[in-house]
Amino acid sequence: MSADAPLAGLVLAGGRSTRMQRDKATLEFNGETQLARAMRLVGTHCERTFVSVRADQQTEDERARWPQVLDRLGEVGPAAGILAAQEMLPDHAWLVVAVDLPLLDDATLAALVAARDPAAVATAYRSSGDALPEPLCAIWEPASHAPLAAFIEGGRSCPRKFLITHHARLVELASPQALANVNTPADYAAVTALGAGEAR
């Protein structure tokens, strides 16, 4: 089934942005929110694209604009959003991207899609920093659903550790800055300086 699985898109935007002290999904670069930009980029490569949200985020203006996947597991983190998406469309593979990647570009996503290995549980970029999988810019195949559910039920929630232990296919990242994320106001300033544009 996985070899022919259509590709759906998931932008993970269910975090609380505690360190940023502002909602990361609504931060703007070049006049576009991070969520709108991520949805646009991911949507280019997928037949359907969704934003992952917590229950208390469903009616927020920015998130309400898009089709949603509801995270029902509370504080589990990004893995819960991925699992919820898989449960909603179990016959799809999922191109999963974190909302806080303002330098992500179409070339990076296109290369990942081209390198997709449907026989693996997932295809992910290898981090340029520590050579470990980058689970939040990755393609998660239908075959990852059952082991991911078991992983979470076993009290584990780190998607990176899941991909390490389940032997995801890793792809070299041509442009390391494409996966630079923003978690703090300092990150926001630094990424803006790299060329993401003026924050508004």
C-alpha atoms as a PDB file:
ATOM      1  CA  MET A   1       0.000   0.000   0.000  1.00  0.00           C
ATOM      2  CA  SER A   2       2.727   2.469   0.912  1.00  0.00           C
ATOM      3  CA  ALA A   3       4.327   2.387  -2.542  1.00  0.00           C
ATOM      4  CA  ASP A   4       1.221   3.975  -4.059  1.00  0.00           C
ATOM      5  CA  ALA A   5       0.191   6.102  -1.095  1.00  0.00           C
ATOM      6  CA  PRO A   6      -0.798   9.622  -2.127  1.00  0.00           C
ATOM      7  CA  LEU A   7       0.955  12.451  -0.349  1.00  0.00           C
ATOM      8  CA  ALA A   8      -0.913  14.737   2.045  1.00  0.00           C
ATOM      9  CA  GLY A   9       0.623  17.721   3.786  1.00  0.00           C
ATOM     10  CA  LEU A  10       0.718  18.554   7.481  1.00  0.00           C
ATOM     11  CA  VAL A  11       1.976  21.798   8.987  1.00  0.00           C
ATOM     12  CA  LEU A  12       2.568  21.369  12.712  1.00  0.00           C
ATOM     13  CA  ALA A  13       1.272  24.482  14.469  1.00  0.00           C
ATOM     14  CA  GLY A  14      -0.038  23.117  17.761  1.00  0.00           C
ATOM     15  CA  GLY A  15       2.746  24.339  20.025  1.00  0.00           C
ATOM     16  CA  ARG A  16       2.365  26.900  22.766  1.00  0.00           C
ATOM     17  CA  SER A  17       5.271  29.142  21.631  1.00  0.00           C
ATOM     18  CA  THR A  18       6.341  29.523  25.271  1.00  0.00           C
ATOM     19  CA  ARG A  19       9.915  30.560  24.543  1.00  0.00           C
ATOM     20  CA  MET A  20       8.906  32.937  21.752  1.00  0.00           C
ATOM     21  CA  GLN A  21       6.229  34.566  23.951  1.00  0.00           C
ATOM     22  CA  ARG A  22       4.221  35.115  20.778  1.00  0.00           C
ATOM     23  CA  ASP A  23       2.364  32.686  18.545  1.00  0.00           C
ATOM     24  CA  LYS A  24       4.981  31.446  16.078  1.00  0.00           C
ATOM     25  CA  ALA A  25       2.332  30.633  13.486  1.00  0.00           C
ATOM     26  CA  THR A  26       1.420  34.311  13.182  1.00  0.00           C
ATOM     27  CA  LEU A  27       4.952  35.722  13.013  1.00  0.00           C
ATOM     28  CA  GLU A  28       5.428  37.467   9.680  1.00  0.00           C
ATOM     29  CA  PHE A  29       8.339  37.403   7.279  1.00  0.00           C
ATOM     30  CA  ASN A  30       8.075  39.392   4.057  1.00  0.00           C
ATOM     31  CA  GLY A  31       4.461  40.197   4.916  1.00  0.00           C
ATOM     32  CA  GLU A  32       3.345  36.564   5.142  1.00  0.00           C
ATOM     33  CA  THR A  33       2.651  34.609   8.306  1.00  0.00           C
ATOM     34  CA  GLN A  34       4.753  31.548   8.956  1.00  0.00           C
ATOM     35  CA  LEU A  35       1.635  29.389   8.821  1.00  0.00           C
ATOM     36  CA  ALA A  36       0.436  30.805   5.499  1.00  0.00           C
ATOM     37  CA  ARG A  37       3.888  30.406   3.993  1.00  0.00           C
ATOM     38  CA  ALA A  38       4.265  26.815   5.193  1.00  0.00           C
ATOM     39  CA  MET A  39       0.795  25.895   3.925  1.00  0.00           C
ATOM     40  CA  ARG A  40       1.605  27.391   0.534  1.00  0.00           C
ATOM     41  CA  LEU A  41       4.948  25.607   0.205  1.00  0.00           C
ATOM     42  CA  VAL A  42       3.698  22.227   1.378  1.00  0.00           C
ATOM     43  CA  GLY A  43       0.526  22.505  -0.685  1.00  0.00           C
ATOM     44  CA  THR A  44       2.583  22.669  -3.865  1.00  0.00           C
ATOM     45  CA  HIS A  45       3.632  19.045  -3.329  1.00  0.00           C
ATOM     46  CA  CYS A  46       0.473  17.503  -1.838  1.00  0.00           C
ATOM     47  CA  GLU A  47      -3.054  16.790  -2.961  1.00  0.00           C
ATOM     48  CA  ARG A  48      -4.447  18.012   0.382  1.00  0.00           C
ATOM     49  CA  THR A  49      -2.785  20.040   3.138  1.00  0.00           C
ATOM     50  CA  PHE A  50      -3.799  20.512   6.772  1.00  0.00           C
ATOM     51  CA  VAL A  51      -2.657  22.384   9.847  1.00  0.00           C
ATOM     52  CA  SER A  52      -2.257  20.462  13.102  1.00  0.00           C
ATOM     53  CA  VAL A  53      -3.880  22.247  16.058  1.00  0.00           C
ATOM     54  CA  ARG A  54      -4.816  21.745  19.693  1.00  0.00           C
ATOM     55  CA  ALA A  55      -8.498  21.846  20.615  1.00  0.00           C
ATOM     56  CA  ASP A  56      -8.184  25.355  22.065  1.00  0.00           C
ATOM     57  CA  GLN A  57      -6.651  26.675  18.819  1.00  0.00           C
ATOM     58  CA  GLN A  58      -9.361  25.605  16.397  1.00  0.00           C
ATOM     59  CA  THR A  59     -11.144  28.947  16.195  1.00  0.00           C
ATOM     60  CA  GLU A  60      -8.089  31.205  16.190  1.00  0.00           C
ATOM     61  CA  ASP A  61      -8.200  33.474  13.154  1.00  0.00           C
ATOM     62  CA  GLU A  62      -5.007  32.291  11.466  1.00  0.00           C
ATOM     63  CA  ARG A  63      -5.576  28.563  12.028  1.00  0.00           C
ATOM     64  CA  ALA A  64      -9.295  28.687  11.214  1.00  0.00           C
ATOM     65  CA  ARG A  65      -8.425  29.659   7.631  1.00  0.00           C
ATOM     66  CA  TRP A  66      -7.142  26.162   6.864  1.00  0.00           C
ATOM     67  CA  PRO A  67      -8.303  22.538   6.968  1.00  0.00           C
ATOM     68  CA  GLN A  68      -7.315  21.169  10.372  1.00  0.00           C
ATOM     69  CA  VAL A  69      -6.092  18.002  12.039  1.00  0.00           C
ATOM     70  CA  LEU A  70      -6.998  17.973  15.718  1.00  0.00           C
ATOM     71  CA  ASP A  71      -4.370  16.784  18.199  1.00  0.00           C
ATOM     72  CA  ARG A  72      -6.303  14.871  20.855  1.00  0.00           C
ATOM     73  CA  LEU A  73      -3.357  13.772  22.993  1.00  0.00           C
ATOM     74  CA  GLY A  74      -2.656  16.976  24.859  1.00  0.00           C
ATOM     75  CA  GLU A  75       0.965  17.497  25.811  1.00  0.00           C
ATOM     76  CA  VAL A  76       2.577  14.720  23.764  1.00  0.00           C
ATOM     77  CA  GLY A  77       3.975  17.193  21.223  1.00  0.00           C
ATOM     78  CA  PRO A  78       4.545  16.949  17.446  1.00  0.00           C
ATOM     79  CA  ALA A  79       4.258  13.146  17.383  1.00  0.00           C
ATOM     80  CA  ALA A  80       0.629  13.466  18.451  1.00  0.00           C
ATOM     81  CA  GLY A  81      -0.128  15.703  15.494  1.00  0.00           C
ATOM     82  CA  ILE A  82       1.478  13.235  13.105  1.00  0.00           C
ATOM     83  CA  LEU A  83      -0.455  10.345  14.639  1.00  0.00           C
ATOM     84  CA  ALA A  84      -3.752  12.251  14.408  1.00  0.00           C
ATOM     85  CA  ALA A  85      -3.121  12.951  10.726  1.00  0.00           C
ATOM     86  CA  GLN A  86      -2.363   9.292  10.066  1.00  0.00           C
ATOM     87  CA  GLU A  87      -5.562   8.263  11.802  1.00  0.00           C
ATOM     88  CA  MET A  88      -7.582  10.702   9.701  1.00  0.00           C
ATOM     89  CA  LEU A  89      -6.151   9.549   6.351  1.00  0.00           C
ATOM     90  CA  PRO A  90      -4.500   6.183   7.005  1.00  0.00           C
ATOM     91  CA  ASP A  91      -3.941   5.411   3.332  1.00  0.00           C
ATOM     92  CA  HIS A  92      -1.847   8.554   2.798  1.00  0.00           C
ATOM     93  CA  ALA A  93       1.781   9.347   3.357  1.00  0.00           C
ATOM     94  CA  TRP A  94       2.337  12.682   5.071  1.00  0.00           C
ATOM     95  CA  LEU A  95       4.763  15.456   4.194  1.00  0.00           C
ATOM     96  CA  VAL A  96       5.226  16.911   7.668  1.00  0.00           C
ATOM     97  CA  VAL A  97       6.715  20.371   8.216  1.00  0.00           C
ATOM     98  CA  ALA A  98       7.037  22.452  11.371  1.00  0.00           C
ATOM     99  CA  VAL A  99       5.471  25.894  11.208  1.00  0.00           C
ATOM    100  CA  ASP A 100       8.607  27.650  12.464  1.00  0.00           C
ATOM    101  CA  LEU A 101      10.907  27.198   9.448  1.00  0.00           C
ATOM    102  CA  PRO A 102      10.933  30.645   7.817  1.00  0.00           C
ATOM    103  CA  LEU A 103      13.839  29.835   5.482  1.00  0.00           C
ATOM    104  CA  LEU A 104      12.338  26.610   4.158  1.00  0.00           C
ATOM    105  CA  ASP A 105      12.095  26.786   0.381  1.00  0.00           C
ATOM    106  CA  ASP A 106      10.449  24.885  -2.417  1.00  0.00           C
ATOM    107  CA  ALA A 107      13.732  23.363  -3.604  1.00  0.00           C
ATOM    108  CA  THR A 108      14.250  21.723  -0.206  1.00  0.00           C
ATOM    109  CA  LEU A 109      10.778  20.208  -0.233  1.00  0.00           C
ATOM    110  CA  ALA A 110      11.051  19.143  -3.875  1.00  0.00           C
ATOM    111  CA  ALA A 111      14.327  17.334  -3.173  1.00  0.00           C
ATOM    112  CA  LEU A 112      12.770  15.518  -0.233  1.00  0.00           C
ATOM    113  CA  VAL A 113       9.768  14.427  -2.290  1.00  0.00           C
ATOM    114  CA  ALA A 114      12.061  13.259  -5.095  1.00  0.00           C
ATOM    115  CA  ALA A 115      14.108  11.200  -2.617  1.00  0.00           C
ATOM    116  CA  ARG A 116      11.051   9.603  -0.997  1.00  0.00           C
ATOM    117  CA  ASP A 117      11.419   5.908  -0.203  1.00  0.00           C
ATOM    118  CA  PRO A 118       7.942   4.392   0.238  1.00  0.00           C
ATOM    119  CA  ALA A 119       9.505   1.187   1.582  1.00  0.00           C
ATOM    120  CA  ALA A 120      10.915   3.001   4.612  1.00  0.00           C
ATOM    121  CA  VAL A 121       8.827   4.181   7.571  1.00  0.00           C
ATOM    122  CA  ALA A 122       9.855   7.707   6.634  1.00  0.00           C
ATOM    123  CA  THR A 123      12.203   9.782   4.513  1.00  0.00           C
ATOM    124  CA  ALA A 124      13.856  12.633   6.384  1.00  0.00           C
ATOM    125  CA  TYR A 125      16.707  15.050   6.040  1.00  0.00           C
ATOM    126  CA  ARG A 126      19.892  14.358   7.937  1.00  0.00           C
ATOM    127  CA  SER A 127      20.623  17.249  10.300  1.00  0.00           C
ATOM    128  CA  SER A 128      23.658  19.221   9.239  1.00  0.00           C
ATOM    129  CA  GLY A 129      24.443  19.753  12.922  1.00  0.00           C
ATOM    130  CA  ASP A 130      24.414  16.268  14.420  1.00  0.00           C
ATOM    131  CA  ALA A 131      23.663  13.954  11.452  1.00  0.00           C
ATOM    132  CA  LEU A 132      20.425  12.772  13.112  1.00  0.00           C
ATOM    133  CA  PRO A 133      17.016  12.716  11.401  1.00  0.00           C
ATOM    134  CA  GLU A 134      15.032  15.934  11.020  1.00  0.00           C
ATOM    135  CA  PRO A 135      11.537  14.578  11.764  1.00  0.00           C
ATOM    136  CA  LEU A 136       9.724  17.864  11.228  1.00  0.00           C
ATOM    137  CA  CYS A 137      10.665  18.161   7.584  1.00  0.00           C
ATOM    138  CA  ALA A 138      10.030  14.575   6.563  1.00  0.00           C
ATOM    139  CA  ILE A 139       7.696  12.234   4.730  1.00  0.00           C
ATOM    140  CA  TRP A 140       5.985   9.753   7.059  1.00  0.00           C
ATOM    141  CA  GLU A 141       4.703   6.660   5.280  1.00  0.00           C
ATOM    142  CA  PRO A 142       1.516   4.747   6.229  1.00  0.00           C
ATOM    143  CA  ALA A 143       3.744   1.950   7.559  1.00  0.00           C
ATOM    144  CA  SER A 144       4.928   4.259  10.351  1.00  0.00           C
ATOM    145  CA  HIS A 145       1.451   4.568  11.859  1.00  0.00           C
ATOM    146  CA  ALA A 146       1.264   1.398  13.954  1.00  0.00           C
ATOM    147  CA  PRO A 147       4.805   1.614  15.352  1.00  0.00           C
ATOM    148  CA  LEU A 148       4.382   5.335  16.080  1.00  0.00           C
ATOM    149  CA  ALA A 149       1.160   4.621  17.987  1.00  0.00           C
ATOM    150  CA  ALA A 150       2.947   1.926  19.983  1.00  0.00           C
ATOM    151  CA  PHE A 151       5.863   4.283  20.597  1.00  0.00           C
ATOM    152  CA  ILE A 152       3.531   6.908  22.069  1.00  0.00           C
ATOM    153  CA  GLU A 153       1.535   4.364  24.050  1.00  0.00           C
ATOM    154  CA  GLY A 154       4.823   3.216  25.542  1.00  0.00           C
ATOM    155  CA  GLY A 155       5.372   6.648  27.016  1.00  0.00           C
ATOM    156  CA  ARG A 156       7.780   7.993  24.407  1.00  0.00           C
ATOM    157  CA  SER A 157       7.067  11.045  22.293  1.00  0.00           C
ATOM    158  CA  CYS A 158      10.239  12.243  20.539  1.00  0.00           C
ATOM    159  CA  PRO A 159       9.741  11.874  16.774  1.00  0.00           C
ATOM    160  CA  ARG A 160      13.485  12.103  16.180  1.00  0.00           C
ATOM    161  CA  LYS A 161      14.129   9.129  18.460  1.00  0.00           C
ATOM    162  CA  PHE A 162      11.375   7.249  16.669  1.00  0.00           C
ATOM    163  CA  LEU A 163      13.033   7.780  13.290  1.00  0.00           C
ATOM    164  CA  ILE A 164      16.423   6.779  14.700  1.00  0.00           C
ATOM    165  CA  THR A 165      15.138   3.513  16.128  1.00  0.00           C
ATOM    166  CA  HIS A 166      12.962   2.681  13.111  1.00  0.00           C
ATOM    167  CA  HIS A 167      15.619   3.288  10.460  1.00  0.00           C
ATOM    168  CA  ALA A 168      14.178   6.098   8.388  1.00  0.00           C
ATOM    169  CA  ARG A 169      15.816   6.845   5.062  1.00  0.00           C
ATOM    170  CA  LEU A 170      18.030   9.906   5.513  1.00  0.00           C
ATOM    171  CA  VAL A 171      18.701  12.440   2.781  1.00  0.00           C
ATOM    172  CA  GLU A 172      21.540  14.944   2.698  1.00  0.00           C
ATOM    173  CA  LEU A 173      20.435  18.551   3.101  1.00  0.00           C
ATOM    174  CA  ALA A 174      21.783  20.822   0.371  1.00  0.00           C
ATOM    175  CA  SER A 175      20.957  24.066   2.174  1.00  0.00           C
ATOM    176  CA  PRO A 176      21.366  23.707   5.974  1.00  0.00           C
ATOM    177  CA  GLN A 177      19.827  27.094   6.710  1.00  0.00           C
ATOM    178  CA  ALA A 178      16.554  25.938   5.114  1.00  0.00           C
ATOM    179  CA  LEU A 179      15.699  24.107   8.341  1.00  0.00           C
ATOM    180  CA  ALA A 180      16.717  26.890  10.723  1.00  0.00           C
ATOM    181  CA  ASN A 181      13.837  27.330  13.139  1.00  0.00           C
ATOM    182  CA  VAL A 182      12.698  30.149  15.375  1.00  0.00           C
ATOM    183  CA  ASN A 183      12.009  29.346  19.010  1.00  0.00           C
ATOM    184  CA  THR A 184      12.965  32.593  20.750  1.00  0.00           C
ATOM    185  CA  PRO A 185      12.952  36.323  19.986  1.00  0.00           C
ATOM    186  CA  ALA A 186      16.717  36.035  19.409  1.00  0.00           C
ATOM    187  CA  ASP A 187      16.143  33.292  16.839  1.00  0.00           C
ATOM    188  CA  TYR A 188      13.553  35.476  15.155  1.00  0.00           C
ATOM    189  CA  ALA A 189      16.007  38.359  14.873  1.00  0.00           C
ATOM    190  CA  ALA A 190      18.805  36.103  13.641  1.00  0.00           C
ATOM    191  CA  VAL A 191      16.715  34.409  10.971  1.00  0.00           C
ATOM    192  CA  THR A 192      15.354  37.745   9.802  1.00  0.00           C
ATOM    193  CA  ALA A 193      18.956  38.887   9.384  1.00  0.00           C
ATOM    194  CA  LEU A 194      19.672  35.849   7.192  1.00  0.00           C
ATOM    195  CA  GLY A 195      17.224  37.166   4.656  1.00  0.00           C
ATOM    196  CA  ALA A 196      13.754  36.028   5.562  1.00  0.00           C
ATOM    197  CA  GLY A 197      12.676  39.645   5.396  1.00  0.00           C
ATOM    198  CA  GLU A 198      11.417  42.315   7.732  1.00  0.00           C
ATOM    199  CA  ALA A 199       9.303  41.007  10.602  1.00  0.00           C
ATOM    200  CA  ARG A 200       5.961  42.693  11.136  1.00  0.00           C
END
